[in-house]
Amino acid sequence: MAGKTVKISGPLIVAEGMADSRMYDVVRVSEMGLIGEIIELRGDKASIQVYEETSGLGPGEDVYSTGEPLSAELAPGLIAGIFDGIQRPLTTLCFKYGDRISRGVSVNNLDRGKKWHFTPRVRVGDAVSEGDILGVVQETEIVEHRIMVPNGVAGKVLSVSEGEFNIEETVAVIETPSGAKPVCMLRKWPVRKGRPYREKLAPDMPMVTGQRVIDTLFPIAKGGVAAVPGPFGSGKTVVQHQLAKWADADIIVYVGCGERGNEMTDVLNEFPQLKDPETGEPLMKRTVLIANTSDMPVAAREASIYTGITIAEYFRDMGYNVAVMADSTSRWAEALREMSGRLEEMPGDEGYPAYLSSRLAEFYERAGIVKLLGKGERVGSVTAIGAVSPPGGDLSEPVSQATLRIVKVFWGLSASLAYRRHFPAIDWLISYSLYADKMKEWYDENVGRDFVVYRQFVMRVLQEEAALDEIVRLVGMDALSAKDRLTMETAKIIREDYLHQNAFHEVDTYTSLKKQFLMLRLIYTFHKLAGEAVAAYADLGEILACPCKEKIGRAKYIPEENLSDFDEIFREMNAELKALAAGENEDV
């Protein structure tokens, strides 16, 4: 039965005669078949947000309900795919319809014709339940796609076949209490509903990103949530790109939500060229891209966020560590505000809907490290990192505040650092990570017992510098004691040689934890030995003119395979600074 449109207001359509529909059902509008989703029901009238351009529609257009919620298709073919907000494959649409997407076009989200080699991991007669792995498909050189028993299915394996299958062909038959159930590789899952798991765990292991300011000062845990707020031009997208490139996650889901098209183009151009540091294969072979740029219909921004997190949960259920980059959640909030205004709802702060906080929480709460359904103690994680674009960099606005209430890591980007060409422009005085203390044991075991000591030293020196800065501005550097001037110099080394990192330099773009530890050891030891030399009345100018100081500055360009060079610098520094201290002592 079809309803009829009675009101059209941009992406919002009101249709009557929809009494049999349910919330979040997908509908098709008019003969063009525009895709929409029911977001409000009043009597027999349904308010529908349309994910395509509605110009040219008038009252009396037919509206057909599909009777199903907006769902993501989950099967081999996701990896290296580029989709829009409602999971239509942009590559296929481009081949079929040209550069501009026509309205109402309908293609399969995943390729039904392509054959995949299915290798069973169970035998006939085995008892299986939801979440168990039936078999695997080698989707790319990096990713092994694990085909799981569908949700709500449990029983005995009647048959299972090895060979070439498309995603709709039966690969196994399971005997359930309600009869034999054929199982194919394709799954569908409503995007607004979180996928089930056995138990949620407390995150206690870092997701190593290779970005020194993050890994050392403000680490994020696997299964953690982080926000990257900052004004225009402060480098939010560059930080997101760096994390997508270098984070030690198995799978990356990158959601471009209402951002500029050229930023997505950068991702598309870069990722096939870049090599995964672990495998040497192109990064694209472990990445799913969802592109919903600012020139696409505004309503689809909401769908893109949910589609991204659903795909991430699917790979998590296979036992992978997945990272979701949402760039940016502010554009999603703007879409919510626009739809709320058109629905004539009572506005909250700055016109955003009253449910803004709960929607953001819904998204971030789907992240986490979990024990999975099925046999064995398998664990998977979803780490969510959302960029926030507050107007004018004002962190007191509603989206930033609602996000900060939820996330455990805050990487606050500073416009003044960005203008000084300091990247990543993460402001160390306002940023924080609530995971750092919980991961102390992991750092002690896997990096070095002194790593946490070095971290605390760096934070202390940077805070002391901020306090001394005021004095320097008022009366000049010469008014400080030798000890305080040394603190300022050490802080300068930390800022310019350690925290500053060039994303476009082939060596400096990524720094392993081992190398970070060695760099920190150099800086810490320099400060300690220089302090001892100053206490022994050595000339500060001579200390700062030591050749070892220049070598500390260039240490970040030492390749990962030459880390033994650090020992040489360490020995030279020890010798030079101890000689200075001893020399001055003799004079006294």
Protein backbone atom coordinates (compact mmCIF):
# COMPACT_ATOMS: atom_id res chain seq x y z
CA MET A 1 0.00 0.00 0.00
CA ALA A 2 1.31 3.43 -0.94
CA GLY A 3 1.05 6.67 1.02
CA LYS A 4 0.84 10.15 -0.51
CA THR A 5 3.08 13.13 0.09
CA VAL A 6 1.32 16.13 1.68
CA LYS A 7 4.33 18.31 2.53
CA ILE A 8 7.84 18.71 1.13
CA SER A 9 10.41 20.79 3.00
CA GLY A 10 13.89 20.24 1.60
CA PRO A 11 15.05 16.77 2.69
CA LEU A 12 11.92 16.34 4.88
CA ILE A 13 8.76 14.86 3.37
CA VAL A 14 5.48 14.28 5.21
CA ALA A 15 3.29 11.48 3.80
CA GLU A 16 -0.20 10.37 4.86
CA GLY A 17 -1.68 6.89 4.68
CA MET A 18 1.36 5.36 6.40
CA ALA A 19 -0.42 3.85 9.42
CA ASP A 20 1.10 0.40 8.82
CA SER A 21 4.68 1.71 8.81
CA ARG A 22 7.22 1.61 11.65
CA MET A 23 9.92 3.96 12.84
CA TYR A 24 13.13 3.86 10.80
CA ASP A 25 11.54 1.87 7.94
CA VAL A 26 13.11 2.60 4.58
CA VAL A 27 10.72 4.05 1.97
CA ARG A 28 10.83 4.86 -1.73
CA VAL A 29 9.40 8.26 -2.71
CA SER A 30 7.75 9.00 -6.10
CA GLU A 31 8.29 7.17 -9.36
CA MET A 32 11.97 8.14 -9.20
CA GLY A 33 12.35 5.84 -6.19
CA LEU A 34 14.17 8.29 -3.90
CA ILE A 35 15.45 6.55 -0.77
CA GLY A 36 14.17 7.84 2.58
CA GLU A 37 13.77 6.79 6.20
CA ILE A 38 10.82 7.34 8.54
CA ILE A 39 11.93 9.45 11.54
CA GLU A 40 8.54 10.38 13.03
CA LEU A 41 5.01 8.91 13.05
CA ARG A 42 1.85 10.83 14.05
CA GLY A 43 -1.40 8.98 13.40
CA ASP A 44 -1.22 7.91 9.77
CA LYS A 45 1.29 10.65 8.88
CA ALA A 46 4.97 9.81 8.60
CA SER A 47 7.84 12.29 8.53
CA ILE A 48 10.53 10.99 6.20
CA GLN A 49 14.12 12.18 5.82
CA VAL A 50 15.14 11.67 2.21
CA TYR A 51 18.73 10.79 1.43
CA GLU A 52 18.59 12.36 -2.03
CA GLU A 53 17.76 15.69 -3.60
CA THR A 54 13.97 16.39 -3.44
CA SER A 55 13.71 19.29 -5.92
CA GLY A 56 10.87 18.90 -8.41
CA LEU A 57 8.67 16.78 -6.11
CA GLY A 58 5.15 17.94 -5.34
CA PRO A 59 2.22 16.91 -3.13
CA GLY A 60 0.45 13.68 -4.07
CA GLU A 61 3.58 11.69 -4.90
CA ASP A 62 3.42 7.99 -4.03
CA VAL A 63 5.46 6.75 -1.04
CA TYR A 64 6.15 3.00 -0.80
CA SER A 65 7.40 1.44 2.45
CA THR A 66 9.87 -1.44 2.12
CA GLY A 67 8.95 -2.70 5.61
CA GLU A 68 12.65 -2.98 6.53
CA PRO A 69 14.93 -0.67 8.52
CA LEU A 70 17.99 0.94 6.93
CA SER A 71 20.51 -1.93 6.88
CA ALA A 72 24.12 -2.44 5.90
CA GLU A 73 25.14 -5.37 3.70
CA LEU A 74 27.99 -7.29 5.30
CA ALA A 75 29.99 -9.77 3.23
CA PRO A 76 33.27 -10.14 1.30
CA GLY A 77 33.74 -7.09 -0.93
CA LEU A 78 33.68 -4.45 1.79
CA ILE A 79 37.44 -4.00 2.08
CA ALA A 80 38.91 -1.40 -0.30
CA GLY A 81 35.32 -0.38 -1.11
CA ILE A 82 34.24 3.25 -1.45
CA PHE A 83 30.61 3.82 -0.45
CA ASP A 84 28.28 6.76 0.06
CA GLY A 85 26.34 7.41 3.30
CA ILE A 86 23.75 4.69 2.62
CA GLN A 87 26.37 2.19 1.45
CA ARG A 88 25.89 2.53 -2.29
CA PRO A 89 29.21 1.70 -4.04
CA LEU A 90 30.46 4.92 -5.59
CA THR A 91 32.80 3.14 -8.01
CA THR A 92 29.93 1.06 -9.46
CA LEU A 93 27.68 4.15 -9.65
CA CYS A 94 30.41 6.04 -11.49
CA PHE A 95 30.86 3.23 -14.07
CA LYS A 96 27.11 2.87 -14.54
CA TYR A 97 25.83 6.46 -14.39
CA GLY A 98 28.84 8.76 -14.82
CA ASP A 99 30.45 11.30 -12.50
CA ARG A 100 27.20 12.77 -11.14
CA ILE A 101 24.94 10.38 -9.25
CA SER A 102 21.45 10.39 -10.69
CA ARG A 103 18.50 10.47 -8.32
CA GLY A 104 16.75 7.26 -7.39
CA VAL A 105 19.45 4.99 -8.80
CA SER A 106 19.52 1.57 -7.27
CA VAL A 107 22.48 -0.80 -7.34
CA ASN A 108 23.49 -3.67 -5.11
CA ASN A 109 25.63 -2.47 -2.21
CA LEU A 110 28.02 -5.38 -2.74
CA ASP A 111 28.93 -7.22 -5.95
CA ARG A 112 26.67 -10.26 -6.41
CA GLY A 113 28.56 -11.64 -9.40
CA LYS A 114 32.09 -11.89 -8.01
CA LYS A 115 33.18 -15.35 -6.84
CA TRP A 116 35.11 -15.81 -3.59
CA HIS A 117 37.04 -18.89 -2.51
CA PHE A 118 35.41 -20.19 0.66
CA THR A 119 37.49 -22.46 2.94
CA PRO A 120 35.47 -24.22 5.69
CA ARG A 121 36.64 -24.17 9.32
CA VAL A 122 33.95 -26.59 10.55
CA ARG A 123 33.04 -30.18 9.63
CA VAL A 124 29.72 -31.90 9.04
CA GLY A 125 28.20 -32.86 12.41
CA ASP A 126 29.88 -30.03 14.39
CA ALA A 127 27.65 -28.13 16.80
CA VAL A 128 27.75 -24.38 16.09
CA SER A 129 26.09 -21.29 17.53
CA GLU A 130 25.87 -17.61 16.54
CA GLY A 131 29.26 -15.97 16.19
CA ASP A 132 31.18 -19.20 15.46
CA ILE A 133 33.38 -19.09 12.37
CA LEU A 134 32.06 -21.37 9.59
CA GLY A 135 34.90 -20.65 7.19
CA VAL A 136 37.14 -17.98 5.74
CA VAL A 137 37.60 -16.01 2.52
CA GLN A 138 40.93 -14.34 1.72
CA GLU A 139 39.44 -10.99 0.78
CA THR A 140 42.74 -9.11 0.31
CA GLU A 141 46.40 -10.00 0.96
CA ILE A 142 46.01 -8.44 4.42
CA VAL A 143 42.44 -9.30 5.47
CA GLU A 144 41.03 -12.76 6.04
CA HIS A 145 37.25 -12.38 5.93
CA ARG A 146 35.67 -14.77 8.48
CA ILE A 147 32.19 -16.01 7.66
CA MET A 148 30.27 -16.36 10.92
CA VAL A 149 27.12 -18.22 11.90
CA PRO A 150 24.27 -15.71 11.51
CA ASN A 151 22.74 -14.13 14.60
CA GLY A 152 19.98 -16.20 16.18
CA VAL A 153 21.11 -19.44 14.46
CA ALA A 154 22.45 -22.46 16.35
CA GLY A 155 22.51 -26.18 15.64
CA LYS A 156 24.42 -28.94 13.82
CA VAL A 157 26.26 -28.52 10.52
CA LEU A 158 24.43 -30.67 7.92
CA SER A 159 26.68 -29.73 5.01
CA VAL A 160 29.55 -27.34 4.25
CA SER A 161 31.35 -26.87 0.93
CA GLU A 162 34.71 -25.57 -0.17
CA GLY A 163 34.96 -23.76 -3.48
CA GLU A 164 34.10 -20.61 -5.42
CA PHE A 165 30.84 -18.92 -4.41
CA ASN A 166 29.23 -15.54 -4.79
CA ILE A 167 27.90 -13.90 -1.61
CA GLU A 168 24.29 -15.16 -2.13
CA GLU A 169 25.09 -18.83 -2.80
CA THR A 170 24.72 -21.37 0.00
CA VAL A 171 28.05 -22.38 1.58
CA ALA A 172 26.65 -24.40 4.50
CA VAL A 173 23.39 -25.81 5.87
CA ILE A 174 22.72 -25.81 9.62
CA GLU A 175 20.09 -27.99 11.28
CA THR A 176 18.17 -25.81 13.75
CA PRO A 177 15.15 -26.65 15.99
CA SER A 178 12.95 -24.96 13.37
CA GLY A 179 14.44 -26.93 10.45
CA ALA A 180 17.40 -26.85 8.06
CA LYS A 181 18.75 -23.34 7.48
CA PRO A 182 20.93 -22.59 4.43
CA VAL A 183 23.70 -20.08 5.12
CA CYS A 184 25.33 -17.79 2.54
CA MET A 185 28.15 -15.27 2.99
CA LEU A 186 25.87 -12.21 2.91
CA ARG A 187 24.51 -10.69 6.15
CA LYS A 188 22.23 -7.70 6.62
CA TRP A 189 22.16 -5.67 9.82
CA PRO A 190 20.09 -2.59 10.83
CA VAL A 191 22.59 0.26 11.12
CA ARG A 192 20.98 1.90 14.17
CA LYS A 193 21.19 -1.29 16.23
CA GLY A 194 24.46 -2.33 17.89
CA ARG A 195 25.67 -5.87 17.12
CA PRO A 196 25.61 -8.28 20.09
CA TYR A 197 28.64 -9.49 22.06
CA ARG A 198 29.24 -11.56 25.19
CA GLU A 199 30.97 -9.08 27.52
CA LYS A 200 32.49 -5.63 27.41
CA LEU A 201 36.03 -5.32 28.85
CA ALA A 202 37.99 -2.41 30.27
CA PRO A 203 40.53 -1.09 27.73
CA ASP A 204 44.11 -1.61 28.96
CA MET A 205 46.24 -1.76 25.80
CA PRO A 206 47.26 1.26 23.70
CA MET A 207 46.49 1.65 20.03
CA VAL A 208 49.93 2.66 18.77
CA THR A 209 49.63 5.45 16.22
CA GLY A 210 53.27 6.36 15.52
CA GLN A 211 52.45 10.00 16.39
CA ARG A 212 54.74 10.97 19.26
CA VAL A 213 52.51 13.55 20.94
CA ILE A 214 49.67 11.00 21.02
CA ASP A 215 51.56 7.83 21.97
CA THR A 216 53.68 9.52 24.63
CA LEU A 217 51.45 12.14 26.21
CA PHE A 218 47.81 11.36 25.33
CA PRO A 219 47.53 7.70 24.32
CA ILE A 220 44.28 6.07 23.22
CA ALA A 221 43.45 2.49 24.16
CA LYS A 222 42.22 -0.20 21.78
CA GLY A 223 38.46 0.02 22.19
CA GLY A 224 38.74 3.60 23.40
CA VAL A 225 37.02 6.80 22.22
CA ALA A 226 38.70 10.07 21.36
CA ALA A 227 37.71 13.51 20.11
CA VAL A 228 39.82 15.84 17.96
CA PRO A 229 38.27 19.31 18.24
CA GLY A 230 39.88 22.35 16.69
CA PRO A 231 39.18 25.47 14.63
CA PHE A 232 39.36 25.66 10.85
CA GLY A 233 42.86 24.97 9.48
CA SER A 234 44.27 23.48 12.68
CA GLY A 235 44.89 20.06 11.12
CA LYS A 236 41.96 17.84 12.26
CA THR A 237 41.81 15.99 8.96
CA VAL A 238 45.62 15.60 8.80
CA VAL A 239 45.56 14.02 12.29
CA GLN A 240 42.71 11.70 11.18
CA HIS A 241 44.62 10.75 8.01
CA GLN A 242 47.78 10.03 10.03
CA LEU A 243 45.85 7.79 12.39
CA ALA A 244 44.15 5.99 9.51
CA LYS A 245 47.56 5.42 7.88
CA TRP A 246 49.67 4.36 10.83
CA ALA A 247 47.47 3.16 13.72
CA ASP A 248 48.08 -0.52 14.53
CA ALA A 249 44.46 -1.45 13.89
CA ASP A 250 43.70 -4.44 11.63
CA ILE A 251 40.90 -2.63 9.78
CA ILE A 252 40.28 1.10 9.23
CA VAL A 253 36.80 2.49 8.52
CA TYR A 254 37.10 6.11 7.40
CA VAL A 255 33.85 8.10 7.37
CA GLY A 256 34.03 11.46 5.60
CA CYS A 257 30.85 13.02 7.02
CA GLY A 258 29.97 16.35 5.43
CA GLU A 259 33.61 17.27 4.86
CA ARG A 260 35.13 18.83 1.74
CA GLY A 261 35.39 16.62 -1.30
CA ASN A 262 39.09 17.35 -1.84
CA GLU A 263 39.88 15.79 1.57
CA MET A 264 38.29 12.51 0.52
CA THR A 265 40.16 12.79 -2.76
CA ASP A 266 43.43 13.04 -0.80
CA VAL A 267 42.54 9.81 1.01
CA LEU A 268 41.67 8.07 -2.26
CA ASN A 269 44.91 9.18 -3.89
CA GLU A 270 47.20 8.50 -0.92
CA PHE A 271 46.00 5.21 0.51
CA PRO A 272 46.66 3.03 -2.56
CA GLN A 273 50.20 4.50 -2.70
CA LEU A 274 51.06 4.07 0.98
CA LYS A 275 52.38 0.78 2.28
CA ASP A 276 51.13 -0.88 5.45
CA PRO A 277 54.14 -0.91 7.84
CA GLU A 278 53.37 -4.48 8.98
CA THR A 279 52.74 -6.24 5.66
CA GLY A 280 54.16 -3.93 2.99
CA GLU A 281 50.84 -4.05 1.08
CA PRO A 282 48.88 -0.90 0.10
CA LEU A 283 46.91 0.56 3.02
CA MET A 284 43.75 0.49 0.93
CA LYS A 285 43.70 -3.31 1.34
CA ARG A 286 42.63 -2.94 4.98
CA THR A 287 40.44 0.16 4.61
CA VAL A 288 36.74 0.84 4.03
CA LEU A 289 35.87 4.38 2.90
CA ILE A 290 32.49 6.01 3.36
CA ALA A 291 32.34 9.31 1.52
CA ASN A 292 29.49 11.64 2.30
CA THR A 293 30.89 15.00 1.31
CA SER A 294 29.45 18.45 1.96
CA ASP A 295 27.82 18.65 -1.50
CA MET A 296 25.82 15.46 -0.93
CA PRO A 297 22.30 15.53 0.59
CA VAL A 298 22.46 16.62 4.22
CA ALA A 299 20.24 13.86 5.64
CA ALA A 300 22.62 11.11 4.49
CA ARG A 301 25.26 12.36 6.95
CA GLU A 302 23.46 10.67 9.79
CA ALA A 303 23.24 7.41 7.88
CA SER A 304 26.97 7.53 7.02
CA ILE A 305 27.98 7.58 10.70
CA TYR A 306 25.77 4.59 11.53
CA THR A 307 26.81 2.66 8.42
CA GLY A 308 30.48 3.18 9.36
CA ILE A 309 30.13 1.95 12.95
CA THR A 310 28.03 -1.08 11.82
CA ILE A 311 30.73 -2.19 9.34
CA ALA A 312 33.32 -1.70 12.11
CA GLU A 313 31.31 -3.89 14.53
CA TYR A 314 31.03 -6.59 11.87
CA PHE A 315 34.82 -6.84 11.53
CA ARG A 316 35.15 -6.62 15.32
CA ASP A 317 32.96 -9.73 15.58
CA MET A 318 35.53 -11.59 13.48
CA GLY A 319 38.14 -10.85 16.18
CA TYR A 320 39.81 -7.82 14.58
CA ASN A 321 40.87 -4.51 16.11
CA VAL A 322 39.03 -1.85 14.11
CA ALA A 323 39.48 1.93 14.12
CA VAL A 324 36.65 4.23 12.99
CA MET A 325 37.51 7.79 11.92
CA ALA A 326 34.50 10.09 11.82
CA ASP A 327 35.35 13.37 10.12
CA SER A 328 33.47 15.32 11.32
CA THR A 329 30.72 14.73 13.89
CA SER A 330 29.94 18.49 13.87
CA ARG A 331 28.63 18.18 10.29
CA TRP A 332 26.44 15.30 11.44
CA ALA A 333 25.14 17.46 14.30
CA GLU A 334 24.39 20.23 11.78
CA ALA A 335 22.33 17.75 9.75
CA LEU A 336 20.42 16.80 12.94
CA ARG A 337 19.81 20.50 13.60
CA GLU A 338 18.48 21.08 10.10
CA MET A 339 16.13 18.08 10.26
CA SER A 340 14.99 19.05 13.78
CA GLY A 341 14.20 22.58 12.57
CA ARG A 342 12.17 21.26 9.64
CA LEU A 343 10.28 18.92 12.00
CA GLU A 344 9.48 22.04 14.08
CA GLU A 345 10.85 20.47 17.26
CA MET A 346 11.66 22.60 20.29
CA PRO A 347 15.30 23.62 19.85
CA GLY A 348 17.97 23.16 22.52
CA ASP A 349 21.29 25.04 22.86
CA GLU A 350 22.20 27.02 19.72
CA GLY A 351 19.34 25.43 17.81
CA TYR A 352 20.62 21.86 18.13
CA PRO A 353 17.95 19.27 19.03
CA ALA A 354 17.50 18.27 22.67
CA TYR A 355 18.58 14.70 21.81
CA LEU A 356 22.00 15.74 20.43
CA SER A 357 23.89 14.37 23.47
CA SER A 358 22.08 11.03 23.41
CA ARG A 359 22.72 10.56 19.65
CA LEU A 360 26.43 11.27 20.08
CA ALA A 361 26.56 8.92 23.08
CA GLU A 362 24.80 6.18 21.03
CA PHE A 363 27.57 6.39 18.45
CA TYR A 364 30.55 6.47 20.82
CA GLU A 365 29.10 3.79 23.13
CA ARG A 366 29.26 1.30 20.27
CA ALA A 367 33.04 1.46 20.51
CA GLY A 368 34.83 -0.76 23.05
CA ILE A 369 36.84 -3.95 23.48
CA VAL A 370 34.57 -7.00 23.86
CA LYS A 371 34.52 -10.75 24.33
CA LEU A 372 32.84 -12.15 21.24
CA LEU A 373 30.00 -14.60 20.80
CA GLY A 374 30.88 -18.13 19.81
CA LYS A 375 33.44 -20.70 20.95
CA GLY A 376 36.70 -19.75 22.62
CA GLU A 377 37.79 -16.58 24.35
CA ARG A 378 37.97 -14.42 21.25
CA VAL A 379 38.30 -10.65 21.68
CA GLY A 380 37.71 -7.80 19.21
CA SER A 381 37.65 -4.03 19.52
CA VAL A 382 36.29 -0.88 17.89
CA THR A 383 38.16 2.36 18.55
CA ALA A 384 36.19 5.49 17.63
CA ILE A 385 37.92 8.80 16.86
CA GLY A 386 35.65 11.70 16.01
CA ALA A 387 36.74 15.09 14.70
CA VAL A 388 34.76 18.08 16.00
CA SER A 389 34.69 21.39 14.12
CA PRO A 390 33.48 24.06 16.58
CA PRO A 391 32.78 27.43 14.89
CA GLY A 392 35.69 29.76 15.59
CA GLY A 393 37.38 27.09 17.72
CA ASP A 394 34.92 27.75 20.57
CA LEU A 395 35.00 24.58 22.70
CA SER A 396 32.06 25.75 24.82
CA GLU A 397 29.59 25.12 21.97
CA PRO A 398 27.11 22.19 22.40
CA VAL A 399 28.70 19.57 20.09
CA SER A 400 32.14 19.89 21.71
CA GLN A 401 30.69 19.83 25.21
CA ALA A 402 28.42 16.85 24.52
CA THR A 403 31.39 14.98 22.99
CA LEU A 404 33.72 15.77 25.89
CA ARG A 405 31.21 14.29 28.34
CA ILE A 406 31.48 10.95 26.54
CA VAL A 407 35.07 10.54 25.30
CA LYS A 408 38.10 9.60 27.43
CA VAL A 409 40.75 11.21 25.21
CA PHE A 410 40.76 14.84 24.20
CA TRP A 411 43.28 16.00 21.57
CA GLY A 412 42.61 19.76 21.58
CA LEU A 413 44.03 21.39 18.46
CA SER A 414 45.36 24.91 18.72
CA ALA A 415 45.14 27.51 15.95
CA SER A 416 48.20 29.35 17.31
CA LEU A 417 50.31 26.16 17.10
CA ALA A 418 49.04 25.52 13.56
CA TYR A 419 49.92 29.11 12.52
CA ARG A 420 53.44 28.53 13.91
CA ARG A 421 53.64 25.47 11.60
CA HIS A 422 53.73 23.09 14.56
CA PHE A 423 52.05 19.82 13.50
CA PRO A 424 50.33 17.88 14.93
CA ALA A 425 48.92 21.06 16.51
CA ILE A 426 47.74 19.20 19.66
CA ASP A 427 47.88 21.64 22.57
CA TRP A 428 49.64 19.80 25.42
CA LEU A 429 48.25 22.21 28.04
CA ILE A 430 44.55 21.50 27.39
CA SER A 431 44.60 17.92 26.03
CA TYR A 432 44.24 14.84 28.23
CA SER A 433 43.92 11.04 28.18
CA LEU A 434 42.12 9.12 30.91
CA TYR A 435 43.61 5.84 29.65
CA ALA A 436 47.27 6.72 30.35
CA ASP A 437 47.37 5.51 33.97
CA LYS A 438 45.46 2.29 33.19
CA MET A 439 48.05 1.30 30.59
CA LYS A 440 51.12 1.77 32.82
CA GLU A 441 51.62 -2.00 33.22
CA TRP A 442 51.54 -2.52 29.46
CA TYR A 443 54.15 0.21 28.90
CA ASP A 444 56.35 -1.22 31.67
CA GLU A 445 56.28 -4.70 30.10
CA ASN A 446 56.41 -3.82 26.41
CA VAL A 447 58.35 -0.56 26.09
CA GLY A 448 60.46 0.07 29.18
CA ARG A 449 59.95 0.73 32.87
CA ASP A 450 61.11 4.31 32.51
CA PHE A 451 58.64 5.24 29.74
CA VAL A 452 56.00 6.49 32.21
CA VAL A 453 58.75 8.40 34.12
CA TYR A 454 59.81 10.12 30.88
CA ARG A 455 56.18 10.97 30.10
CA GLN A 456 55.72 12.64 33.49
CA PHE A 457 59.03 14.49 33.02
CA VAL A 458 57.91 15.86 29.61
CA MET A 459 54.55 17.04 31.01
CA ARG A 460 56.26 18.69 34.01
CA VAL A 461 58.81 20.55 31.85
CA LEU A 462 56.11 21.80 29.45
CA GLN A 463 53.97 23.06 32.35
CA GLU A 464 57.00 24.77 33.94
CA GLU A 465 57.73 26.42 30.60
CA ALA A 466 54.17 27.77 30.42
CA ALA A 467 54.60 29.29 33.92
CA LEU A 468 58.03 30.79 33.07
CA ASP A 469 56.78 32.15 29.72
CA GLU A 470 54.93 34.93 31.52
CA ILE A 471 58.10 36.07 33.32
CA VAL A 472 60.13 35.93 30.09
CA ARG A 473 57.56 38.10 28.29
CA LEU A 474 57.66 40.68 31.09
CA VAL A 475 61.36 40.94 31.94
CA GLY A 476 63.24 38.82 29.36
CA MET A 477 65.17 35.55 29.44
CA ASP A 478 68.20 37.09 31.24
CA ALA A 479 66.14 37.56 34.42
CA LEU A 480 65.81 33.78 34.86
CA SER A 481 68.22 31.64 36.84
CA ALA A 482 70.49 29.19 34.98
CA LYS A 483 68.29 26.29 36.16
CA ASP A 484 65.12 27.97 34.78
CA ARG A 485 66.86 28.85 31.50
CA LEU A 486 67.84 25.20 31.17
CA THR A 487 64.19 24.23 31.73
CA MET A 488 63.17 26.62 28.90
CA GLU A 489 65.81 25.11 26.60
CA THR A 490 64.72 21.54 27.41
CA ALA A 491 61.10 22.51 26.77
CA LYS A 492 62.17 23.95 23.41
CA ILE A 493 63.89 20.64 22.54
CA ILE A 494 60.72 18.74 23.55
CA ARG A 495 58.48 21.02 21.48
CA GLU A 496 60.56 21.42 18.34
CA ASP A 497 62.43 18.13 18.18
CA TYR A 498 60.05 15.66 19.80
CA LEU A 499 56.43 16.84 19.64
CA HIS A 500 56.76 18.45 16.20
CA GLN A 501 56.37 15.74 13.58
CA ASN A 502 56.39 16.08 9.79
CA ALA A 503 53.55 14.02 8.29
CA PHE A 504 55.12 14.26 4.83
CA HIS A 505 58.67 13.13 5.76
CA GLU A 506 59.22 9.44 4.94
CA VAL A 507 61.05 8.74 8.26
CA ASP A 508 59.45 11.27 10.61
CA THR A 509 55.84 10.45 9.65
CA TYR A 510 55.87 7.32 11.86
CA THR A 511 57.82 6.67 15.07
CA SER A 512 57.70 3.28 16.81
CA LEU A 513 57.35 3.10 20.61
CA LYS A 514 60.92 1.80 20.84
CA LYS A 515 62.25 4.85 19.00
CA GLN A 516 60.03 7.17 21.10
CA PHE A 517 61.53 5.62 24.24
CA LEU A 518 65.09 6.17 22.98
CA MET A 519 64.36 9.78 21.98
CA LEU A 520 62.83 10.49 25.39
CA ARG A 521 65.81 8.88 27.11
CA LEU A 522 68.16 11.25 25.26
CA ILE A 523 66.15 14.35 26.23
CA TYR A 524 65.69 13.21 29.86
CA THR A 525 69.40 12.38 30.26
CA PHE A 526 70.46 15.66 28.60
CA HIS A 527 68.31 17.64 31.07
CA LYS A 528 69.60 15.64 34.03
CA LEU A 529 73.32 15.88 33.09
CA ALA A 530 73.02 19.53 32.05
CA GLY A 531 71.34 20.24 35.41
CA GLU A 532 74.26 18.58 37.21
CA ALA A 533 76.74 20.64 35.12
CA VAL A 534 74.82 23.87 35.95
CA ALA A 535 74.87 22.92 39.65
CA ALA A 536 78.64 22.50 39.31
CA TYR A 537 78.80 26.10 37.97
CA ALA A 538 79.40 25.12 34.34
CA ASP A 539 78.62 27.82 31.79
CA LEU A 540 75.10 27.35 30.39
CA GLY A 541 76.16 28.75 27.02
CA GLU A 542 78.84 26.06 26.70
CA ILE A 543 76.34 23.36 27.69
CA LEU A 544 73.86 24.50 25.05
CA ALA A 545 76.63 24.71 22.44
CA CYS A 546 77.50 21.00 22.87
CA PRO A 547 77.48 19.03 19.58
CA CYS A 548 75.25 16.42 21.25
CA LYS A 549 72.36 18.95 21.46
CA GLU A 550 72.28 19.23 17.66
CA LYS A 551 72.33 15.43 17.38
CA ILE A 552 69.34 15.15 19.78
CA GLY A 553 67.46 17.51 17.46
CA ARG A 554 68.20 15.33 14.43
CA ALA A 555 67.51 12.01 16.18
CA LYS A 556 63.92 11.89 14.86
CA TYR A 557 65.29 11.41 11.34
CA ILE A 558 67.17 8.21 12.29
CA PRO A 559 65.43 5.33 10.41
CA GLU A 560 63.80 2.53 12.40
CA GLU A 561 66.40 0.01 11.18
CA ASN A 562 69.30 2.16 12.55
CA LEU A 563 68.15 2.55 16.17
CA SER A 564 71.62 1.46 17.38
CA ASP A 565 72.77 5.02 16.43
CA PHE A 566 71.01 6.26 19.59
CA ASP A 567 73.53 4.42 21.79
CA GLU A 568 76.38 6.30 20.07
CA ILE A 569 74.67 9.71 20.64
CA PHE A 570 73.97 8.70 24.26
CA ARG A 571 77.64 7.87 24.88
CA GLU A 572 78.85 11.11 23.26
CA MET A 573 76.39 13.17 25.29
CA ASN A 574 77.41 11.50 28.54
CA ALA A 575 81.09 12.17 27.81
CA GLU A 576 80.61 15.81 26.73
CA LEU A 577 78.36 16.91 29.59
CA LYS A 578 80.28 15.07 32.29
CA ALA A 579 83.52 16.63 31.01
CA LEU A 580 81.95 20.09 31.25
CA ALA A 581 80.77 19.44 34.81
CA ALA A 582 84.15 18.02 35.86
CA GLY A 583 86.08 20.86 34.21
CA GLU A 584 84.17 23.55 36.07
CA ASN A 585 84.50 21.66 39.34
CA GLU A 586 88.31 21.69 39.00
CA ASP A 587 88.28 25.46 38.49
CA VAL A 588 86.26 25.94 41.65
